[in-house]
């Protein structure tokens, strides 16, 4: 308890004591004491006057109230007074770092899905024999012949082969483009954009495991090398197709074949070495890597 509050409490007790004393001043014992003090002279009479004065309790009560009020205010000021810092606290302040971790769940990484492999055709060269060929004038198609008077031709046969390791798709409307080159690998003429197939005057469909043969070159009876090709023309009923001849220079040494579905290549270009022996054409596929065995050409009657 603060000193001023203690002094106020003592003053309150003194007020109560004086009031009690004044109320019993006429008692026999107390009256004798007061009379004795007055008989001691001016000092005793002064003390008795203060004790018996009506103003003394009022003054003491006011003083006690002031002391209690001052004591309470000092206590309130002490509560809010700053705590003095010592030298250690000033030189090395304590710093706390609070790390707040988000409670949001961390999204888990989803493993990428395996790429879906779209089925594709699997066109494979299976043979490239020399045959006799005949043209059907009505349908303008070409067919194999056993007549020794018919022209020689070289055909390249392809199959859309099935595979155990993957799914193979059919392909429709396949066309063959052919480029002819000399011994210096220079192109002869402008080539053929839409070559003719054996047995069908139009473009060819390749369902699974079905094979078709395209004509690479034809050798006439006079040894002239050439071929036939399809060409779209305008007719009075709309677009039509005609079969036209294409003459190849005698210095022909190689034939390059490309198969296309629409405008997309279906195989890598295949290069055939060409030779003419005793008026009979022959082709072979040069080996692309060690140990590679090309398809065996069939015997020609």
C-alpha atoms as a PDB file:
ATOM      1  CA  UNK A   1       0.000   0.000   0.000  1.00  0.00           C
ATOM      2  CA  UNK A   2       1.412   3.480  -0.875  1.00  0.00           C
ATOM      3  CA  UNK A   3       2.467   5.792   1.957  1.00  0.00           C
ATOM      4  CA  UNK A   4      -0.179   8.395   1.167  1.00  0.00           C
ATOM      5  CA  UNK A   5      -2.940   5.798   1.416  1.00  0.00           C
ATOM      6  CA  UNK A   6      -1.536   4.660   4.783  1.00  0.00           C
ATOM      7  CA  UNK A   7      -1.481   8.276   6.038  1.00  0.00           C
ATOM      8  CA  UNK A   8      -5.071   8.776   4.896  1.00  0.00           C
ATOM      9  CA  UNK A   9      -6.128   5.597   6.722  1.00  0.00           C
ATOM     10  CA  UNK A  10      -4.423   6.815   9.937  1.00  0.00           C
ATOM     11  CA  UNK A  11      -6.151  10.210   9.558  1.00  0.00           C
ATOM     12  CA  UNK A  12      -9.513   8.476   9.217  1.00  0.00           C
ATOM     13  CA  UNK A  13      -8.828   6.524  12.385  1.00  0.00           C
ATOM     14  CA  UNK A  14      -7.845   9.775  14.163  1.00  0.00           C
ATOM     15  CA  UNK A  15     -11.114  11.407  13.076  1.00  0.00           C
ATOM     16  CA  UNK A  16     -13.095   8.514  14.489  1.00  0.00           C
ATOM     17  CA  UNK A  17     -11.072   8.685  17.720  1.00  0.00           C
ATOM     18  CA  UNK A  18     -11.602  12.436  18.173  1.00  0.00           C
ATOM     19  CA  UNK A  19     -15.322  12.170  17.482  1.00  0.00           C
ATOM     20  CA  UNK A  20     -15.593   9.388  20.040  1.00  0.00           C
ATOM     21  CA  UNK A  21     -13.523  11.490  22.508  1.00  0.00           C
ATOM     22  CA  UNK A  22     -15.744  14.531  22.033  1.00  0.00           C
ATOM     23  CA  UNK A  23     -18.857  12.478  22.585  1.00  0.00           C
ATOM     24  CA  UNK A  24     -17.605  11.111  25.940  1.00  0.00           C
ATOM     25  CA  UNK A  25     -15.824  14.235  27.217  1.00  0.00           C
ATOM     26  CA  UNK A  26     -18.224  14.519  30.134  1.00  0.00           C
ATOM     27  CA  UNK A  27     -17.494  11.064  31.387  1.00  0.00           C
ATOM     28  CA  UNK A  28     -15.984  11.085  34.864  1.00  0.00           C
ATOM     29  CA  UNK A  29     -12.646   9.518  33.946  1.00  0.00           C
ATOM     30  CA  UNK A  30     -12.140  11.509  30.731  1.00  0.00           C
ATOM     31  CA  UNK A  31     -13.314  14.742  32.335  1.00  0.00           C
ATOM     32  CA  UNK A  32     -10.636  14.347  35.039  1.00  0.00           C
ATOM     33  CA  UNK A  33      -7.973  13.829  32.324  1.00  0.00           C
ATOM     34  CA  UNK A  34      -9.015  16.903  30.396  1.00  0.00           C
ATOM     35  CA  UNK A  35      -9.162  18.981  33.598  1.00  0.00           C
ATOM     36  CA  UNK A  36      -5.652  17.790  34.422  1.00  0.00           C
ATOM     37  CA  UNK A  37      -4.372  18.887  30.983  1.00  0.00           C
ATOM     38  CA  UNK A  38      -5.920  22.323  31.361  1.00  0.00           C
ATOM     39  CA  UNK A  39      -4.204  22.609  34.757  1.00  0.00           C
ATOM     40  CA  UNK A  40      -0.786  21.995  33.158  1.00  0.00           C
ATOM     41  CA  UNK A  41      -0.758  25.434  31.663  1.00  0.00           C
ATOM     42  CA  UNK A  42      -1.211  27.028  28.257  1.00  0.00           C
ATOM     43  CA  UNK A  43       0.163  24.059  26.341  1.00  0.00           C
ATOM     44  CA  UNK A  44      -2.234  21.591  27.943  1.00  0.00           C
ATOM     45  CA  UNK A  45      -5.140  23.988  27.437  1.00  0.00           C
ATOM     46  CA  UNK A  46      -4.139  24.274  23.680  1.00  0.00           C
ATOM     47  CA  UNK A  47      -4.111  20.484  23.235  1.00  0.00           C
ATOM     48  CA  UNK A  48      -7.494  20.142  24.965  1.00  0.00           C
ATOM     49  CA  UNK A  49      -8.863  22.929  22.739  1.00  0.00           C
ATOM     50  CA  UNK A  50      -7.700  21.178  19.573  1.00  0.00           C
ATOM     51  CA  UNK A  51      -9.085  17.807  20.667  1.00  0.00           C
ATOM     52  CA  UNK A  52     -12.439  19.283  21.704  1.00  0.00           C
ATOM     53  CA  UNK A  53     -12.716  21.660  18.674  1.00  0.00           C
ATOM     54  CA  UNK A  54     -15.546  20.932  16.187  1.00  0.00           C
ATOM     55  CA  UNK A  55     -13.255  21.834  13.249  1.00  0.00           C
ATOM     56  CA  UNK A  56     -10.557  19.317  14.069  1.00  0.00           C
ATOM     57  CA  UNK A  57     -12.474  16.205  12.857  1.00  0.00           C
ATOM     58  CA  UNK A  58     -13.500  18.068   9.671  1.00  0.00           C
ATOM     59  CA  UNK A  59      -9.900  19.082   8.908  1.00  0.00           C
ATOM     60  CA  UNK A  60      -8.597  15.599   9.558  1.00  0.00           C
ATOM     61  CA  UNK A  61     -11.347  14.052   7.411  1.00  0.00           C
ATOM     62  CA  UNK A  62     -10.524  16.379   4.479  1.00  0.00           C
ATOM     63  CA  UNK A  63      -6.801  15.621   4.835  1.00  0.00           C
ATOM     64  CA  UNK A  64      -7.501  11.853   4.932  1.00  0.00           C
ATOM     65  CA  UNK A  65      -9.625  12.035   1.759  1.00  0.00           C
ATOM     66  CA  UNK A  66      -6.911  14.000  -0.085  1.00  0.00           C
ATOM     67  CA  UNK A  67      -4.208  11.552   0.988  1.00  0.00           C
ATOM     68  CA  UNK A  68      -6.250   8.516  -0.124  1.00  0.00           C
ATOM     69  CA  UNK A  69      -7.020  10.124  -3.520  1.00  0.00           C
ATOM     70  CA  UNK A  70      -3.346  11.027  -4.083  1.00  0.00           C
ATOM     71  CA  UNK A  71      -2.298   7.513  -3.118  1.00  0.00           C
ATOM     72  CA  UNK A  72      -4.682   5.915  -5.618  1.00  0.00           C
ATOM     73  CA  UNK A  73      -3.533   8.220  -8.457  1.00  0.00           C
ATOM     74  CA  UNK A  74       0.118   7.438  -7.746  1.00  0.00           C
ATOM     75  CA  UNK A  75      -0.712   3.721  -7.830  1.00  0.00           C
ATOM     76  CA  UNK A  76      -2.394   4.126 -11.235  1.00  0.00           C
ATOM     77  CA  UNK A  77       0.604   6.054 -12.632  1.00  0.00           C
ATOM     78  CA  UNK A  78       2.997   3.369 -11.395  1.00  0.00           C
ATOM     79  CA  UNK A  79       0.977   0.710 -13.221  1.00  0.00           C
ATOM     80  CA  UNK A  80       1.504   2.384 -16.628  1.00  0.00           C
ATOM     81  CA  UNK A  81       5.092   3.570 -16.126  1.00  0.00           C
ATOM     82  CA  UNK A  82       7.579   2.037 -18.673  1.00  0.00           C
ATOM     83  CA  UNK A  83       9.955  -0.610 -17.417  1.00  0.00           C
ATOM     84  CA  UNK A  84      13.549   0.713 -17.564  1.00  0.00           C
ATOM     85  CA  UNK A  85      15.851  -1.199 -19.874  1.00  0.00           C
ATOM     86  CA  UNK A  86      19.263  -2.219 -18.693  1.00  0.00           C
ATOM     87  CA  UNK A  87      22.360  -2.068 -20.835  1.00  0.00           C
ATOM     88  CA  UNK A  88      22.137  -5.715 -21.836  1.00  0.00           C
ATOM     89  CA  UNK A  89      18.597  -5.360 -23.152  1.00  0.00           C
ATOM     90  CA  UNK A  90      19.529  -2.257 -25.144  1.00  0.00           C
ATOM     91  CA  UNK A  91      22.698  -3.768 -26.637  1.00  0.00           C
ATOM     92  CA  UNK A  92      21.184  -7.141 -27.521  1.00  0.00           C
ATOM     93  CA  UNK A  93      17.426  -6.915 -27.983  1.00  0.00           C
ATOM     94  CA  UNK A  94      15.501 -10.182 -28.151  1.00  0.00           C
ATOM     95  CA  UNK A  95      13.887 -10.656 -31.539  1.00  0.00           C
ATOM     96  CA  UNK A  96      11.331 -13.357 -32.197  1.00  0.00           C
ATOM     97  CA  UNK A  97      10.356 -14.434 -35.681  1.00  0.00           C
ATOM     98  CA  UNK A  98       7.010 -16.128 -36.207  1.00  0.00           C
ATOM     99  CA  UNK A  99       6.534 -18.165 -39.364  1.00  0.00           C
ATOM    100  CA  UNK A 100       2.948 -18.715 -40.347  1.00  0.00           C
ATOM    101  CA  UNK A 101       2.431 -21.830 -42.413  1.00  0.00           C
ATOM    102  CA  UNK A 102      -0.568 -21.828 -44.680  1.00  0.00           C
ATOM    103  CA  UNK A 103      -3.090 -24.481 -43.816  1.00  0.00           C
ATOM    104  CA  UNK A 104      -4.241 -24.776 -47.420  1.00  0.00           C
ATOM    105  CA  UNK A 105      -3.682 -28.278 -48.813  1.00  0.00           C
ATOM    106  CA  UNK A 106      -0.776 -28.567 -51.234  1.00  0.00           C
ATOM    107  CA  UNK A 107      -2.071 -29.747 -54.619  1.00  0.00           C
ATOM    108  CA  UNK A 108      -0.654 -33.100 -55.628  1.00  0.00           C
ATOM    109  CA  UNK A 109       1.059 -33.475 -58.936  1.00  0.00           C
ATOM    110  CA  UNK A 110      -0.890 -35.557 -61.378  1.00  0.00           C
ATOM    111  CA  UNK A 111       1.215 -37.912 -63.418  1.00  0.00           C
ATOM    112  CA  UNK A 112       1.018 -37.066 -67.124  1.00  0.00           C
ATOM    113  CA  UNK A 113      -1.078 -39.414 -69.147  1.00  0.00           C
ATOM    114  CA  UNK A 114       0.649 -41.653 -71.583  1.00  0.00           C
ATOM    115  CA  UNK A 115       0.475 -40.335 -75.115  1.00  0.00           C
ATOM    116  CA  UNK A 116      -2.200 -42.049 -77.147  1.00  0.00           C
ATOM    117  CA  UNK A 117      -0.644 -43.558 -80.256  1.00  0.00           C
ATOM    118  CA  UNK A 118      -2.939 -43.065 -83.204  1.00  0.00           C
ATOM    119  CA  UNK A 119      -3.152 -46.137 -85.455  1.00  0.00           C
ATOM    120  CA  UNK A 120      -1.325 -45.649 -88.757  1.00  0.00           C
ATOM    121  CA  UNK A 121      -1.080 -47.689 -91.945  1.00  0.00           C
ATOM    122  CA  UNK A 122       1.871 -50.033 -92.402  1.00  0.00           C
ATOM    123  CA  UNK A 123       2.544 -50.098 -96.147  1.00  0.00           C
ATOM    124  CA  UNK A 124       5.423 -52.460 -96.916  1.00  0.00           C
ATOM    125  CA  UNK A 125       7.206 -53.267-100.179  1.00  0.00           C
ATOM    126  CA  UNK A 126       6.806 -56.977-100.839  1.00  0.00           C
ATOM    127  CA  UNK A 127       8.012 -57.476-104.449  1.00  0.00           C
ATOM    128  CA  UNK A 128       9.002 -55.677-107.693  1.00  0.00           C
ATOM    129  CA  UNK A 129       8.812 -58.198-110.598  1.00  0.00           C
ATOM    130  CA  UNK A 130       8.984 -57.721-114.352  1.00  0.00           C
ATOM    131  CA  UNK A 131       5.690 -58.689-116.018  1.00  0.00           C
ATOM    132  CA  UNK A 132       3.831 -58.523-119.318  1.00  0.00           C
ATOM    133  CA  UNK A 133       1.102 -55.909-119.345  1.00  0.00           C
ATOM    134  CA  UNK A 134      -2.003 -55.112-121.390  1.00  0.00           C
ATOM    135  CA  UNK A 135      -4.270 -52.070-121.382  1.00  0.00           C
ATOM    136  CA  UNK A 136      -8.050 -52.454-121.386  1.00  0.00           C
ATOM    137  CA  UNK A 137      -9.297 -49.880-123.877  1.00  0.00           C
ATOM    138  CA  UNK A 138     -12.813 -49.723-122.461  1.00  0.00           C
ATOM    139  CA  UNK A 139     -11.922 -49.118-118.828  1.00  0.00           C
ATOM    140  CA  UNK A 140      -8.427 -47.726-119.546  1.00  0.00           C
ATOM    141  CA  UNK A 141      -7.043 -49.968-116.819  1.00  0.00           C
ATOM    142  CA  UNK A 142      -3.887 -52.136-116.951  1.00  0.00           C
ATOM    143  CA  UNK A 143      -3.733 -55.883-116.347  1.00  0.00           C
ATOM    144  CA  UNK A 144      -1.097 -58.591-116.343  1.00  0.00           C
ATOM    145  CA  UNK A 145      -0.824 -60.643-119.524  1.00  0.00           C
ATOM    146  CA  UNK A 146       0.694 -63.927-120.600  1.00  0.00           C
ATOM    147  CA  UNK A 147       0.886 -62.881-124.237  1.00  0.00           C
ATOM    148  CA  UNK A 148       4.561 -62.642-125.340  1.00  0.00           C
ATOM    149  CA  UNK A 149       3.544 -59.888-127.759  1.00  0.00           C
ATOM    150  CA  UNK A 150       2.532 -57.541-124.948  1.00  0.00           C
ATOM    151  CA  UNK A 151       4.909 -54.982-123.440  1.00  0.00           C
ATOM    152  CA  UNK A 152       7.241 -55.585-120.539  1.00  0.00           C
ATOM    153  CA  UNK A 153       6.586 -53.622-117.363  1.00  0.00           C
ATOM    154  CA  UNK A 154       8.060 -53.315-113.892  1.00  0.00           C
ATOM    155  CA  UNK A 155       5.619 -53.202-111.022  1.00  0.00           C
ATOM    156  CA  UNK A 156       6.192 -52.543-107.291  1.00  0.00           C
ATOM    157  CA  UNK A 157       3.793 -54.303-104.935  1.00  0.00           C
ATOM    158  CA  UNK A 158       2.881 -53.064-101.456  1.00  0.00           C
ATOM    159  CA  UNK A 159       0.853 -54.562 -98.609  1.00  0.00           C
ATOM    160  CA  UNK A 160      -0.757 -52.881 -95.606  1.00  0.00           C
ATOM    161  CA  UNK A 161       0.635 -55.448 -93.194  1.00  0.00           C
ATOM    162  CA  UNK A 162      -0.827 -56.119 -89.777  1.00  0.00           C
ATOM    163  CA  UNK A 163       1.511 -56.047 -86.763  1.00  0.00           C
ATOM    164  CA  UNK A 164       1.406 -57.810 -83.406  1.00  0.00           C
ATOM    165  CA  UNK A 165       3.081 -54.894 -81.610  1.00  0.00           C
ATOM    166  CA  UNK A 166       0.646 -52.144 -82.630  1.00  0.00           C
ATOM    167  CA  UNK A 167      -2.705 -51.448 -84.221  1.00  0.00           C
ATOM    168  CA  UNK A 168      -2.598 -50.832 -87.973  1.00  0.00           C
ATOM    169  CA  UNK A 169      -5.106 -48.551 -89.685  1.00  0.00           C
ATOM    170  CA  UNK A 170      -6.523 -48.896 -93.197  1.00  0.00           C
ATOM    171  CA  UNK A 171      -5.807 -46.153 -95.711  1.00  0.00           C
ATOM    172  CA  UNK A 172      -7.893 -45.046 -98.674  1.00  0.00           C
ATOM    173  CA  UNK A 173      -7.293 -43.146-101.897  1.00  0.00           C
ATOM    174  CA  UNK A 174      -3.559 -43.853-102.081  1.00  0.00           C
ATOM    175  CA  UNK A 175      -1.635 -42.410-105.017  1.00  0.00           C
ATOM    176  CA  UNK A 176       1.899 -43.112-106.201  1.00  0.00           C
ATOM    177  CA  UNK A 177       4.315 -40.402-107.340  1.00  0.00           C
ATOM    178  CA  UNK A 178       7.371 -41.439-109.401  1.00  0.00           C
ATOM    179  CA  UNK A 179      10.611 -39.591-110.136  1.00  0.00           C
ATOM    180  CA  UNK A 180      13.051 -40.812-112.839  1.00  0.00           C
ATOM    181  CA  UNK A 181      16.795 -40.049-112.630  1.00  0.00           C
ATOM    182  CA  UNK A 182      19.932 -40.627-114.695  1.00  0.00           C
ATOM    183  CA  UNK A 183      23.296 -41.953-113.543  1.00  0.00           C
ATOM    184  CA  UNK A 184      24.207 -38.552-112.027  1.00  0.00           C
ATOM    185  CA  UNK A 185      21.008 -38.581-109.918  1.00  0.00           C
ATOM    186  CA  UNK A 186      19.556 -35.801-112.065  1.00  0.00           C
ATOM    187  CA  UNK A 187      15.806 -35.882-112.658  1.00  0.00           C
ATOM    188  CA  UNK A 188      14.592 -36.837-116.115  1.00  0.00           C
ATOM    189  CA  UNK A 189      11.506 -34.890-117.167  1.00  0.00           C
ATOM    190  CA  UNK A 190       8.909 -33.764-114.660  1.00  0.00           C
ATOM    191  CA  UNK A 191       8.045 -37.149-113.189  1.00  0.00           C
ATOM    192  CA  UNK A 192       4.588 -38.621-112.584  1.00  0.00           C
ATOM    193  CA  UNK A 193       2.302 -37.323-109.824  1.00  0.00           C
ATOM    194  CA  UNK A 194      -0.399 -40.003-110.101  1.00  0.00           C
ATOM    195  CA  UNK A 195       0.868 -43.322-111.487  1.00  0.00           C
ATOM    196  CA  UNK A 196      -1.383 -46.171-112.624  1.00  0.00           C
ATOM    197  CA  UNK A 197      -2.078 -49.277-110.536  1.00  0.00           C
ATOM    198  CA  UNK A 198      -2.497 -52.810-111.863  1.00  0.00           C
ATOM    199  CA  UNK A 199      -6.154 -53.783-112.154  1.00  0.00           C
ATOM    200  CA  UNK A 200      -7.684 -50.428-111.225  1.00  0.00           C
ATOM    201  CA  UNK A 201      -7.662 -47.153-113.194  1.00  0.00           C
ATOM    202  CA  UNK A 202      -8.280 -45.055-110.089  1.00  0.00           C
ATOM    203  CA  UNK A 203      -6.538 -44.518-106.793  1.00  0.00           C
ATOM    204  CA  UNK A 204      -6.188 -47.488-104.480  1.00  0.00           C
ATOM    205  CA  UNK A 205      -7.549 -48.400-101.046  1.00  0.00           C
ATOM    206  CA  UNK A 206      -5.471 -50.466 -98.641  1.00  0.00           C
ATOM    207  CA  UNK A 207      -7.559 -52.343 -96.069  1.00  0.00           C
ATOM    208  CA  UNK A 208      -5.571 -54.357 -93.570  1.00  0.00           C
ATOM    209  CA  UNK A 209      -3.316 -57.019 -95.183  1.00  0.00           C
ATOM    210  CA  UNK A 210      -4.401 -56.159 -98.708  1.00  0.00           C
ATOM    211  CA  UNK A 211      -1.779 -55.655-101.453  1.00  0.00           C
ATOM    212  CA  UNK A 212      -1.701 -53.641-104.696  1.00  0.00           C
ATOM    213  CA  UNK A 213       0.936 -53.039-107.373  1.00  0.00           C
ATOM    214  CA  UNK A 214       1.895 -49.780-109.069  1.00  0.00           C
ATOM    215  CA  UNK A 215       3.496 -49.617-112.541  1.00  0.00           C
ATOM    216  CA  UNK A 216       7.049 -48.203-112.385  1.00  0.00           C
ATOM    217  CA  UNK A 217       7.984 -48.321-116.075  1.00  0.00           C
ATOM    218  CA  UNK A 218       6.953 -49.940-119.397  1.00  0.00           C
ATOM    219  CA  UNK A 219       9.293 -51.003-122.233  1.00  0.00           C
ATOM    220  CA  UNK A 220       7.827 -51.110-125.728  1.00  0.00           C
ATOM    221  CA  UNK A 221       8.756 -53.484-128.511  1.00  0.00           C
ATOM    222  CA  UNK A 222      11.163 -50.936-129.984  1.00  0.00           C
ATOM    223  CA  UNK A 223      12.939 -50.553-126.629  1.00  0.00           C
ATOM    224  CA  UNK A 224      11.340 -47.213-125.819  1.00  0.00           C
ATOM    225  CA  UNK A 225      10.962 -46.677-122.046  1.00  0.00           C
ATOM    226  CA  UNK A 226       7.878 -44.936-120.790  1.00  0.00           C
ATOM    227  CA  UNK A 227       4.866 -45.138-118.480  1.00  0.00           C
ATOM    228  CA  UNK A 228       1.250 -44.061-118.123  1.00  0.00           C
ATOM    229  CA  UNK A 229      -0.300 -41.716-115.583  1.00  0.00           C
ATOM    230  CA  UNK A 230      -3.670 -40.344-114.556  1.00  0.00           C
ATOM    231  CA  UNK A 231      -4.574 -36.703-115.106  1.00  0.00           C
ATOM    232  CA  UNK A 232      -7.698 -34.809-114.053  1.00  0.00           C
ATOM    233  CA  UNK A 233      -9.422 -32.805-116.809  1.00  0.00           C
ATOM    234  CA  UNK A 234     -12.487 -30.614-117.111  1.00  0.00           C
ATOM    235  CA  UNK A 235     -15.364 -32.159-119.069  1.00  0.00           C
ATOM    236  CA  UNK A 236     -18.826 -30.914-119.941  1.00  0.00           C
ATOM    237  CA  UNK A 237     -20.261 -32.945-117.003  1.00  0.00           C
ATOM    238  CA  UNK A 238     -17.548 -31.788-114.578  1.00  0.00           C
ATOM    239  CA  UNK A 239     -14.133 -33.129-113.638  1.00  0.00           C
ATOM    240  CA  UNK A 240     -12.921 -36.294-115.366  1.00  0.00           C
ATOM    241  CA  UNK A 241      -9.803 -38.453-115.509  1.00  0.00           C
ATOM    242  CA  UNK A 242      -7.751 -39.442-118.556  1.00  0.00           C
ATOM    243  CA  UNK A 243      -4.807 -41.828-118.930  1.00  0.00           C
ATOM    244  CA  UNK A 244      -1.845 -40.316-120.744  1.00  0.00           C
ATOM    245  CA  UNK A 245       1.550 -41.662-121.791  1.00  0.00           C
ATOM    246  CA  UNK A 246       4.893 -40.459-120.460  1.00  0.00           C
ATOM    247  CA  UNK A 247       8.176 -41.100-122.331  1.00  0.00           C
ATOM    248  CA  UNK A 248      11.350 -41.592-120.313  1.00  0.00           C
ATOM    249  CA  UNK A 249      14.837 -40.850-121.613  1.00  0.00           C
ATOM    250  CA  UNK A 250      17.069 -43.792-122.458  1.00  0.00           C
ATOM    251  CA  UNK A 251      19.660 -42.821-119.808  1.00  0.00           C
ATOM    252  CA  UNK A 252      17.275 -43.913-117.033  1.00  0.00           C
ATOM    253  CA  UNK A 253      19.249 -45.417-114.134  1.00  0.00           C
ATOM    254  CA  UNK A 254      17.034 -45.101-111.066  1.00  0.00           C
ATOM    255  CA  UNK A 255      13.356 -44.822-110.128  1.00  0.00           C
ATOM    256  CA  UNK A 256      12.105 -43.196-106.910  1.00  0.00           C
ATOM    257  CA  UNK A 257       8.616 -44.086-105.635  1.00  0.00           C
ATOM    258  CA  UNK A 258       6.543 -42.233-103.054  1.00  0.00           C
ATOM    259  CA  UNK A 259       3.141 -43.312-101.688  1.00  0.00           C
ATOM    260  CA  UNK A 260       0.825 -40.597-100.416  1.00  0.00           C
ATOM    261  CA  UNK A 261      -2.537 -40.594 -98.636  1.00  0.00           C
ATOM    262  CA  UNK A 262      -4.099 -37.283 -99.519  1.00  0.00           C
ATOM    263  CA  UNK A 263      -1.115 -34.956 -99.123  1.00  0.00           C
ATOM    264  CA  UNK A 264       0.622 -36.946 -96.356  1.00  0.00           C
ATOM    265  CA  UNK A 265       3.499 -39.340 -97.142  1.00  0.00           C
ATOM    266  CA  UNK A 266       2.767 -42.912 -96.114  1.00  0.00           C
ATOM    267  CA  UNK A 267       6.267 -44.374 -96.563  1.00  0.00           C
ATOM    268  CA  UNK A 268       9.803 -43.124 -96.948  1.00  0.00           C
ATOM    269  CA  UNK A 269      10.768 -42.768-100.637  1.00  0.00           C
ATOM    270  CA  UNK A 270      12.044 -46.042-102.111  1.00  0.00           C
ATOM    271  CA  UNK A 271      14.851 -45.911-104.665  1.00  0.00           C
ATOM    272  CA  UNK A 272      15.164 -48.643-107.319  1.00  0.00           C
ATOM    273  CA  UNK A 273      18.204 -49.153-109.533  1.00  0.00           C
ATOM    274  CA  UNK A 274      17.024 -49.655-113.146  1.00  0.00           C
ATOM    275  CA  UNK A 275      18.686 -51.595-115.934  1.00  0.00           C
ATOM    276  CA  UNK A 276      17.644 -52.882-119.368  1.00  0.00           C
ATOM    277  CA  UNK A 277      19.087 -56.266-120.346  1.00  0.00           C
ATOM    278  CA  UNK A 278      18.289 -57.591-123.848  1.00  0.00           C
ATOM    279  CA  UNK A 279      15.190 -55.405-123.951  1.00  0.00           C
ATOM    280  CA  UNK A 280      13.910 -56.707-120.611  1.00  0.00           C
ATOM    281  CA  UNK A 281      13.735 -54.244-117.703  1.00  0.00           C
ATOM    282  CA  UNK A 282      14.995 -55.112-114.246  1.00  0.00           C
ATOM    283  CA  UNK A 283      15.114 -53.216-110.974  1.00  0.00           C
ATOM    284  CA  UNK A 284      16.710 -53.856-107.615  1.00  0.00           C
ATOM    285  CA  UNK A 285      16.656 -52.084-104.287  1.00  0.00           C
ATOM    286  CA  UNK A 286      20.143 -51.138-103.055  1.00  0.00           C
ATOM    287  CA  UNK A 287      20.820 -52.308 -99.472  1.00  0.00           C
ATOM    288  CA  UNK A 288      20.079 -49.607 -96.891  1.00  0.00           C
ATOM    289  CA  UNK A 289      22.034 -51.219 -94.032  1.00  0.00           C
ATOM    290  CA  UNK A 290      24.309 -54.232 -93.502  1.00  0.00           C
ATOM    291  CA  UNK A 291      22.427 -57.528 -93.471  1.00  0.00           C
ATOM    292  CA  UNK A 292      19.323 -56.112 -95.197  1.00  0.00           C
ATOM    293  CA  UNK A 293      17.775 -58.470 -97.744  1.00  0.00           C
ATOM    294  CA  UNK A 294      15.433 -56.878-100.325  1.00  0.00           C
ATOM    295  CA  UNK A 295      12.267 -58.685-101.499  1.00  0.00           C
ATOM    296  CA  UNK A 296      12.943 -61.253-104.210  1.00  0.00           C
ATOM    297  CA  UNK A 297      11.580 -60.277-107.652  1.00  0.00           C
ATOM    298  CA  UNK A 298       9.389 -62.863-109.329  1.00  0.00           C
ATOM    299  CA  UNK A 299      10.396 -64.565-112.569  1.00  0.00           C
ATOM    300  CA  UNK A 300       8.909 -63.112-115.739  1.00  0.00           C
ATOM    301  CA  UNK A 301       7.490 -65.441-118.415  1.00  0.00           C
END
